[in-house]
Amino acid sequence: MVDMLNKGVTPVVFDKGSVGACGDLSPMSQMALVLLGEGERSSQGRAMSGAEAMKAAGVNADPV
């Protein structure tokens, strides 16, 4: 995750949508999706899939 963020891959994290007891579970899962090559990220108004973003940044998104 540190490598992902240091290389400018910032996941799209919605500020609404979770009504569970744990208020940070939904945003954390959206961050993890990009690590797995799923989800999406946005940069300068341009959205791209997590897999595209990780590949463009040279970050290995393959699950171990």
PDB file of N, CA and C in Angstrom:
ATOM      1  N   MET A   1       0.833  -1.185   0.000  1.00  0.00           N
ATOM      2  CA  MET A   1       0.000   0.000   0.000  1.00  0.00           C
ATOM      3  C   MET A   1       0.881   1.253   0.000  1.00  0.00           C
ATOM      4  N   VAL A   2       1.982   1.225   0.741  1.00  0.00           N
ATOM      5  CA  VAL A   2       2.873   2.378   0.791  1.00  0.00           C
ATOM      6  C   VAL A   2       3.446   2.655  -0.596  1.00  0.00           C
ATOM      7  N   ASP A   3       3.883   1.597  -1.291  1.00  0.00           N
ATOM      8  CA  ASP A   3       4.419   1.751  -2.641  1.00  0.00           C
ATOM      9  C   ASP A   3       3.368   2.334  -3.573  1.00  0.00           C
ATOM     10  N   MET A   4       2.133   1.838  -3.454  1.00  0.00           N
ATOM     11  CA  MET A   4       1.028   2.315  -4.278  1.00  0.00           C
ATOM     12  C   MET A   4       0.816   3.815  -4.070  1.00  0.00           C
ATOM     13  N   LEU A   5       0.743   4.242  -2.814  1.00  0.00           N
ATOM     14  CA  LEU A   5       0.501   5.661  -2.515  1.00  0.00           C
ATOM     15  C   LEU A   5       1.696   6.534  -2.886  1.00  0.00           C
ATOM     16  N   ASN A   6       2.918   6.037  -2.657  1.00  0.00           N
ATOM     17  CA  ASN A   6       4.112   6.807  -3.015  1.00  0.00           C
ATOM     18  C   ASN A   6       4.226   7.027  -4.512  1.00  0.00           C
ATOM     19  N   LYS A   7       3.660   6.126  -5.297  1.00  0.00           N
ATOM     20  CA  LYS A   7       3.713   6.259  -6.760  1.00  0.00           C
ATOM     21  C   LYS A   7       2.495   6.972  -7.321  1.00  0.00           C
ATOM     22  N   GLY A   8       1.672   7.563  -6.440  1.00  0.00           N
ATOM     23  CA  GLY A   8       0.569   8.405  -6.888  1.00  0.00           C
ATOM     24  C   GLY A   8      -0.721   7.692  -7.224  1.00  0.00           C
ATOM     25  N   VAL A   9      -0.841   6.427  -6.861  1.00  0.00           N
ATOM     26  CA  VAL A   9      -2.086   5.704  -7.099  1.00  0.00           C
ATOM     27  C   VAL A   9      -2.976   5.913  -5.873  1.00  0.00           C
ATOM     28  N   THR A  10      -3.980   6.763  -6.030  1.00  0.00           N
ATOM     29  CA  THR A  10      -4.886   7.091  -4.929  1.00  0.00           C
ATOM     30  C   THR A  10      -6.257   6.506  -5.219  1.00  0.00           C
ATOM     31  N   PRO A  11      -6.703   5.540  -4.415  1.00  0.00           N
ATOM     32  CA  PRO A  11      -8.000   4.909  -4.655  1.00  0.00           C
ATOM     33  C   PRO A  11      -9.164   5.886  -4.492  1.00  0.00           C
ATOM     34  N   VAL A  12     -10.230   5.637  -5.244  1.00  0.00           N
ATOM     35  CA  VAL A  12     -11.472   6.375  -5.053  1.00  0.00           C
ATOM     36  C   VAL A  12     -12.133   5.786  -3.812  1.00  0.00           C
ATOM     37  N   VAL A  13     -12.372   6.628  -2.811  1.00  0.00           N
ATOM     38  CA  VAL A  13     -13.003   6.190  -1.566  1.00  0.00           C
ATOM     39  C   VAL A  13     -14.236   7.059  -1.360  1.00  0.00           C
ATOM     40  N   PHE A  14     -15.388   6.421  -1.349  1.00  0.00           N
ATOM     41  CA  PHE A  14     -16.640   7.150  -1.206  1.00  0.00           C
ATOM     42  C   PHE A  14     -16.846   7.559   0.244  1.00  0.00           C
ATOM     43  N   ASP A  15     -17.392   8.738   0.462  1.00  0.00           N
ATOM     44  CA  ASP A  15     -17.580   9.215   1.835  1.00  0.00           C
ATOM     45  C   ASP A  15     -18.924   8.793   2.418  1.00  0.00           C
ATOM     46  N   LYS A  16     -19.777   8.193   1.626  1.00  0.00           N
ATOM     47  CA  LYS A  16     -21.067   7.700   2.114  1.00  0.00           C
ATOM     48  C   LYS A  16     -21.301   6.304   1.569  1.00  0.00           C
ATOM     49  N   GLY A  17     -22.132   5.558   2.273  1.00  0.00           N
ATOM     50  CA  GLY A  17     -22.494   4.248   1.769  1.00  0.00           C
ATOM     51  C   GLY A  17     -22.415   3.141   2.794  1.00  0.00           C
ATOM     52  N   SER A  18     -21.687   3.354   3.878  1.00  0.00           N
ATOM     53  CA  SER A  18     -21.590   2.323   4.902  1.00  0.00           C
ATOM     54  C   SER A  18     -22.425   2.733   6.106  1.00  0.00           C
ATOM     55  N   VAL A  19     -23.276   1.839   6.560  1.00  0.00           N
ATOM     56  CA  VAL A  19     -24.085   2.125   7.746  1.00  0.00           C
ATOM     57  C   VAL A  19     -23.798   1.103   8.845  1.00  0.00           C
ATOM     58  N   GLY A  20     -22.689   0.390   8.707  1.00  0.00           N
ATOM     59  CA  GLY A  20     -22.330  -0.620   9.698  1.00  0.00           C
ATOM     60  C   GLY A  20     -21.797   0.018  10.969  1.00  0.00           C
ATOM     61  N   ALA A  21     -21.534  -0.823  11.959  1.00  0.00           N
ATOM     62  CA  ALA A  21     -21.026  -0.350  13.247  1.00  0.00           C
ATOM     63  C   ALA A  21     -19.608   0.200  13.126  1.00  0.00           C
ATOM     64  N   CYS A  22     -18.863  -0.289  12.164  1.00  0.00           N
ATOM     65  CA  CYS A  22     -17.486   0.154  11.990  1.00  0.00           C
ATOM     66  C   CYS A  22     -17.446   1.161  10.841  1.00  0.00           C
ATOM     67  N   GLY A  23     -17.250   2.420  11.136  1.00  0.00           N
ATOM     68  CA  GLY A  23     -17.294   3.470  10.128  1.00  0.00           C
ATOM     69  C   GLY A  23     -16.129   3.487   9.167  1.00  0.00           C
ATOM     70  N   ASP A  24     -15.056   2.730   9.458  1.00  0.00           N
ATOM     71  CA  ASP A  24     -13.907   2.746   8.563  1.00  0.00           C
ATOM     72  C   ASP A  24     -13.797   1.499   7.688  1.00  0.00           C
ATOM     73  N   LEU A  25     -14.686   0.538   7.863  1.00  0.00           N
ATOM     74  CA  LEU A  25     -14.599  -0.704   7.115  1.00  0.00           C
ATOM     75  C   LEU A  25     -14.849  -0.511   5.614  1.00  0.00           C
ATOM     76  N   SER A  26     -15.835   0.253   5.249  1.00  0.00           N
ATOM     77  CA  SER A  26     -16.135   0.471   3.836  1.00  0.00           C
ATOM     78  C   SER A  26     -15.004   1.213   3.119  1.00  0.00           C
ATOM     79  N   PRO A  27     -14.492   2.323   3.646  1.00  0.00           N
ATOM     80  CA  PRO A  27     -13.377   2.997   2.969  1.00  0.00           C
ATOM     81  C   PRO A  27     -12.128   2.119   2.883  1.00  0.00           C
ATOM     82  N   MET A  28     -11.848   1.350   3.920  1.00  0.00           N
ATOM     83  CA  MET A  28     -10.668   0.484   3.893  1.00  0.00           C
ATOM     84  C   MET A  28     -10.806  -0.591   2.827  1.00  0.00           C
ATOM     85  N   SER A  29     -12.013  -1.104   2.638  1.00  0.00           N
ATOM     86  CA  SER A  29     -12.210  -2.131   1.617  1.00  0.00           C
ATOM     87  C   SER A  29     -12.044  -1.536   0.213  1.00  0.00           C
ATOM     88  N   GLN A  30     -12.433  -0.284   0.025  1.00  0.00           N
ATOM     89  CA  GLN A  30     -12.265   0.361  -1.276  1.00  0.00           C
ATOM     90  C   GLN A  30     -10.788   0.590  -1.583  1.00  0.00           C
ATOM     91  N   MET A  31      -9.988   0.883  -0.564  1.00  0.00           N
ATOM     92  CA  MET A  31      -8.540   1.014  -0.762  1.00  0.00           C
ATOM     93  C   MET A  31      -7.932  -0.343  -1.115  1.00  0.00           C
ATOM     94  N   ALA A  32      -8.377  -1.388  -0.429  1.00  0.00           N
ATOM     95  CA  ALA A  32      -7.839  -2.729  -0.669  1.00  0.00           C
ATOM     96  C   ALA A  32      -8.183  -3.236  -2.067  1.00  0.00           C
ATOM     97  N   LEU A  33      -9.329  -2.847  -2.607  1.00  0.00           N
ATOM     98  CA  LEU A  33      -9.702  -3.274  -3.949  1.00  0.00           C
ATOM     99  C   LEU A  33      -8.647  -2.866  -4.975  1.00  0.00           C
ATOM    100  N   VAL A  34      -8.121  -1.666  -4.866  1.00  0.00           N
ATOM    101  CA  VAL A  34      -7.107  -1.201  -5.816  1.00  0.00           C
ATOM    102  C   VAL A  34      -5.833  -2.032  -5.666  1.00  0.00           C
ATOM    103  N   LEU A  35      -5.481  -2.394  -4.440  1.00  0.00           N
ATOM    104  CA  LEU A  35      -4.317  -3.247  -4.220  1.00  0.00           C
ATOM    105  C   LEU A  35      -4.453  -4.592  -4.928  1.00  0.00           C
ATOM    106  N   LEU A  36      -5.679  -5.055  -5.067  1.00  0.00           N
ATOM    107  CA  LEU A  36      -5.944  -6.331  -5.734  1.00  0.00           C
ATOM    108  C   LEU A  36      -6.165  -6.173  -7.229  1.00  0.00           C
ATOM    109  N   GLY A  37      -6.045  -4.947  -7.731  1.00  0.00           N
ATOM    110  CA  GLY A  37      -6.257  -4.710  -9.159  1.00  0.00           C
ATOM    111  C   GLY A  37      -7.711  -4.515  -9.514  1.00  0.00           C
ATOM    112  N   GLU A  38      -8.544  -4.306  -8.521  1.00  0.00           N
ATOM    113  CA  GLU A  38      -9.967  -4.065  -8.732  1.00  0.00           C
ATOM    114  C   GLU A  38     -10.253  -2.607  -8.375  1.00  0.00           C
ATOM    115  N   GLY A  39     -11.510  -2.256  -8.216  1.00  0.00           N
ATOM    116  CA  GLY A  39     -11.863  -0.899  -7.811  1.00  0.00           C
ATOM    117  C   GLY A  39     -11.445   0.119  -8.856  1.00  0.00           C
ATOM    118  N   GLU A  40     -11.343   1.375  -8.434  1.00  0.00           N
ATOM    119  CA  GLU A  40     -10.911   2.420  -9.364  1.00  0.00           C
ATOM    120  C   GLU A  40     -10.171   3.510  -8.619  1.00  0.00           C
ATOM    121  N   ARG A  41      -9.436   4.289  -9.388  1.00  0.00           N
ATOM    122  CA  ARG A  41      -8.752   5.441  -8.856  1.00  0.00           C
ATOM    123  C   ARG A  41      -8.994   6.600  -9.798  1.00  0.00           C
ATOM    124  N   SER A  42      -8.796   7.795  -9.294  1.00  0.00           N
ATOM    125  CA  SER A  42      -9.037   8.989 -10.080  1.00  0.00           C
ATOM    126  C   SER A  42      -7.854   9.931  -9.927  1.00  0.00           C
ATOM    127  N   SER A  43      -7.440  10.520 -11.023  1.00  0.00           N
ATOM    128  CA  SER A  43      -6.353  11.485 -11.000  1.00  0.00           C
ATOM    129  C   SER A  43      -6.654  12.574 -12.004  1.00  0.00           C
ATOM    130  N   GLN A  44      -6.672  13.801 -11.557  1.00  0.00           N
ATOM    131  CA  GLN A  44      -6.928  14.957 -12.412  1.00  0.00           C
ATOM    132  C   GLN A  44      -8.219  14.781 -13.202  1.00  0.00           C
ATOM    133  N   GLY A  45      -9.253  14.271 -12.530  1.00  0.00           N
ATOM    134  CA  GLY A  45     -10.562  14.115 -13.153  1.00  0.00           C
ATOM    135  C   GLY A  45     -10.704  12.922 -14.070  1.00  0.00           C
ATOM    136  N   ARG A  46      -9.663  12.102 -14.180  1.00  0.00           N
ATOM    137  CA  ARG A  46      -9.701  10.936 -15.060  1.00  0.00           C
ATOM    138  C   ARG A  46      -9.758   9.671 -14.215  1.00  0.00           C
ATOM    139  N   ALA A  47     -10.786   8.879 -14.408  1.00  0.00           N
ATOM    140  CA  ALA A  47     -10.927   7.622 -13.668  1.00  0.00           C
ATOM    141  C   ALA A  47     -10.293   6.490 -14.466  1.00  0.00           C
ATOM    142  N   MET A  48      -9.706   5.538 -13.761  1.00  0.00           N
ATOM    143  CA  MET A  48      -9.188   4.333 -14.406  1.00  0.00           C
ATOM    144  C   MET A  48      -9.311   3.175 -13.424  1.00  0.00           C
ATOM    145  N   SER A  49      -9.288   1.987 -13.956  1.00  0.00           N
ATOM    146  CA  SER A  49      -9.428   0.820 -13.088  1.00  0.00           C
ATOM    147  C   SER A  49      -8.194   0.666 -12.216  1.00  0.00           C
ATOM    148  N   GLY A  50      -8.359  -0.042 -11.125  1.00  0.00           N
ATOM    149  CA  GLY A  50      -7.236  -0.278 -10.228  1.00  0.00           C
ATOM    150  C   GLY A  50      -6.099  -0.999 -10.928  1.00  0.00           C
ATOM    151  N   ALA A  51      -6.418  -1.982 -11.766  1.00  0.00           N
ATOM    152  CA  ALA A  51      -5.391  -2.744 -12.481  1.00  0.00           C
ATOM    153  C   ALA A  51      -4.597  -1.843 -13.421  1.00  0.00           C
ATOM    154  N   GLU A  52      -5.283  -0.970 -14.160  1.00  0.00           N
ATOM    155  CA  GLU A  52      -4.601  -0.042 -15.067  1.00  0.00           C
ATOM    156  C   GLU A  52      -3.697   0.909 -14.298  1.00  0.00           C
ATOM    157  N   ALA A  53      -4.194   1.417 -13.187  1.00  0.00           N
ATOM    158  CA  ALA A  53      -3.427   2.372 -12.387  1.00  0.00           C
ATOM    159  C   ALA A  53      -2.180   1.726 -11.809  1.00  0.00           C
ATOM    160  N   MET A  54      -2.316   0.520 -11.275  1.00  0.00           N
ATOM    161  CA  MET A  54      -1.173  -0.167 -10.685  1.00  0.00           C
ATOM    162  C   MET A  54      -0.131  -0.505 -11.755  1.00  0.00           C
ATOM    163  N   LYS A  55      -0.587  -0.930 -12.932  1.00  0.00           N
ATOM    164  CA  LYS A  55       0.339  -1.256 -14.017  1.00  0.00           C
ATOM    165  C   LYS A  55       1.066  -0.011 -14.498  1.00  0.00           C
ATOM    166  N   ALA A  56       0.331   1.087 -14.677  1.00  0.00           N
ATOM    167  CA  ALA A  56       0.943   2.335 -15.135  1.00  0.00           C
ATOM    168  C   ALA A  56       1.971   2.866 -14.142  1.00  0.00           C
ATOM    169  N   ALA A  57       1.743   2.637 -12.850  1.00  0.00           N
ATOM    170  CA  ALA A  57       2.670   3.109 -11.818  1.00  0.00           C
ATOM    171  C   ALA A  57       3.809   2.124 -11.568  1.00  0.00           C
ATOM    172  N   GLY A  58       3.709   0.943 -12.155  1.00  0.00           N
ATOM    173  CA  GLY A  58       4.756  -0.062 -11.958  1.00  0.00           C
ATOM    174  C   GLY A  58       4.692  -0.741 -10.606  1.00  0.00           C
ATOM    175  N   VAL A  59       3.481  -0.834 -10.054  1.00  0.00           N
ATOM    176  CA  VAL A  59       3.288  -1.492  -8.762  1.00  0.00           C
ATOM    177  C   VAL A  59       2.699  -2.867  -9.014  1.00  0.00           C
ATOM    178  N   ASN A  60       3.273  -3.892  -8.377  1.00  0.00           N
ATOM    179  CA  ASN A  60       2.769  -5.254  -8.527  1.00  0.00           C
ATOM    180  C   ASN A  60       1.463  -5.394  -7.765  1.00  0.00           C
ATOM    181  N   ALA A  61       0.372  -5.661  -8.466  1.00  0.00           N
ATOM    182  CA  ALA A  61      -0.947  -5.783  -7.840  1.00  0.00           C
ATOM    183  C   ALA A  61      -1.376  -7.237  -7.703  1.00  0.00           C
ATOM    184  N   ASP A  62      -0.463  -8.174  -7.965  1.00  0.00           N
ATOM    185  CA  ASP A  62      -0.823  -9.586  -7.858  1.00  0.00           C
ATOM    186  C   ASP A  62      -0.957 -10.002  -6.409  1.00  0.00           C
ATOM    187  N   PRO A  63      -2.071 -10.646  -6.059  1.00  0.00           N
ATOM    188  CA  PRO A  63      -2.211 -11.141  -4.688  1.00  0.00           C
ATOM    189  C   PRO A  63      -1.199 -12.237  -4.409  1.00  0.00           C
ATOM    190  N   VAL A  64      -0.723 -12.288  -3.207  1.00  0.00           N
ATOM    191  CA  VAL A  64       0.291 -13.276  -2.820  1.00  0.00           C
ATOM    192  C   VAL A  64      -0.357 -14.585  -2.500  1.00  0.00           C
TER     193      VAL A  64
END
